[in-house]
C-alpha atoms as a PDB file:
ATOM      1  CA  MET A   1      86.590 109.935  95.270  1.00  0.00           C
ATOM      2  CA  PRO A   2      85.282 113.362  96.352  1.00  0.00           C
ATOM      3  CA  SER A   3      86.632 116.679  95.533  1.00  0.00           C
ATOM      4  CA  VAL A   4      88.761 118.597  97.911  1.00  0.00           C
ATOM      5  CA  ALA A   5      86.026 121.443  97.924  1.00  0.00           C
ATOM      6  CA  SER A   6      83.339 118.902  98.893  1.00  0.00           C
ATOM      7  CA  VAL A   7      85.393 117.585 101.750  1.00  0.00           C
ATOM      8  CA  LEU A   8      86.736 120.959 103.123  1.00  0.00           C
ATOM      9  CA  GLY A   9      84.243 123.420 101.912  1.00  0.00           C
ATOM     10  CA  PRO A  10      85.540 126.940 101.557  1.00  0.00           C
ATOM     11  CA  HIS A  11      88.630 126.050 103.497  1.00  0.00           C
ATOM     12  CA  ALA A  12      89.694 124.041 100.344  1.00  0.00           C
ATOM     13  CA  TYR A  13      91.149 127.356  98.905  1.00  0.00           C
ATOM     14  CA  MET A  14      93.961 127.332 101.585  1.00  0.00           C
ATOM     15  CA  LEU A  15      95.462 124.462  99.710  1.00  0.00           C
ATOM     16  CA  THR A  16      95.945 126.480  96.580  1.00  0.00           C
ATOM     17  CA  ARG A  17      99.257 127.732  98.284  1.00  0.00           C
ATOM     18  CA  TYR A  18     100.441 123.975  97.917  1.00  0.00           C
ATOM     19  CA  GLY A  19      99.343 123.615  94.326  1.00  0.00           C
ATOM     20  CA  VAL A  20      96.173 121.845  95.059  1.00  0.00           C
ATOM     21  CA  SER A  21      93.031 123.050  93.148  1.00  0.00           C
ATOM     22  CA  PRO A  22      89.639 122.777  95.071  1.00  0.00           C
ATOM     23  CA  GLY A  23      88.134 120.904  92.143  1.00  0.00           C
ATOM     24  CA  GLU A  24      90.716 118.188  92.432  1.00  0.00           C
ATOM     25  CA  ASP A  25      89.773 114.741  93.722  1.00  0.00           C
ATOM     26  CA  VAL A  26      91.158 114.072  97.167  1.00  0.00           C
ATOM     27  CA  ALA A  27      93.392 111.210  96.003  1.00  0.00           C
ATOM     28  CA  THR A  28      95.237 113.466  93.545  1.00  0.00           C
ATOM     29  CA  ALA A  29      95.601 116.200  96.227  1.00  0.00           C
ATOM     30  CA  VAL A  30      97.035 113.743  98.933  1.00  0.00           C
ATOM     31  CA  ALA A  31      99.564 112.583  96.340  1.00  0.00           C
ATOM     32  CA  LYS A  32     100.645 116.148  95.696  1.00  0.00           C
ATOM     33  CA  LEU A  33     100.718 117.143  99.410  1.00  0.00           C
ATOM     34  CA  LYS A  34     102.683 114.038 100.616  1.00  0.00           C
ATOM     35  CA  THR A  35     105.966 115.435  99.582  1.00  0.00           C
ATOM     36  CA  ILE A  36     105.471 119.122 100.450  1.00  0.00           C
ATOM     37  CA  ALA A  37     103.126 118.988 103.415  1.00  0.00           C
ATOM     38  CA  PRO A  38     102.601 115.542 104.747  1.00  0.00           C
ATOM     39  CA  HIS A  39     100.680 116.742 107.726  1.00  0.00           C
ATOM     40  CA  LEU A  40      98.025 118.332 105.515  1.00  0.00           C
ATOM     41  CA  ALA A  41      98.098 115.144 103.189  1.00  0.00           C
ATOM     42  CA  ASN A  42      97.240 113.059 106.361  1.00  0.00           C
ATOM     43  CA  PHE A  43      94.589 115.515 107.465  1.00  0.00           C
ATOM     44  CA  LEU A  44      92.873 115.566 104.216  1.00  0.00           C
ATOM     45  CA  GLN A  45      92.819 111.847 103.862  1.00  0.00           C
ATOM     46  CA  GLU A  46      91.512 111.387 107.323  1.00  0.00           C
ATOM     47  CA  VAL A  47      88.697 113.858 106.786  1.00  0.00           C
ATOM     48  CA  ALA A  48      87.720 112.336 103.462  1.00  0.00           C
ATOM     49  CA  GLN A  49      87.486 108.904 105.051  1.00  0.00           C
ATOM     50  CA  ARG A  50      85.331 110.096 107.966  1.00  0.00           C
ATOM     51  CA  MET A  51      82.926 111.572 105.340  1.00  0.00           C
ATOM     52  CA  LEU A  52      82.590 108.246 103.632  1.00  0.00           C
END
């Protein structure tokens, strides 16, 4: 699974507000975001899938 930074580029740093590090893999980030920001979790998951 790619990292959040490789999927979102410099925009990955906006997720640090939600406890997600840009170096984390997308699956881990999505799991963290599901409870606190489900709209961002869905967005990140969708963007990552389109890149594959």
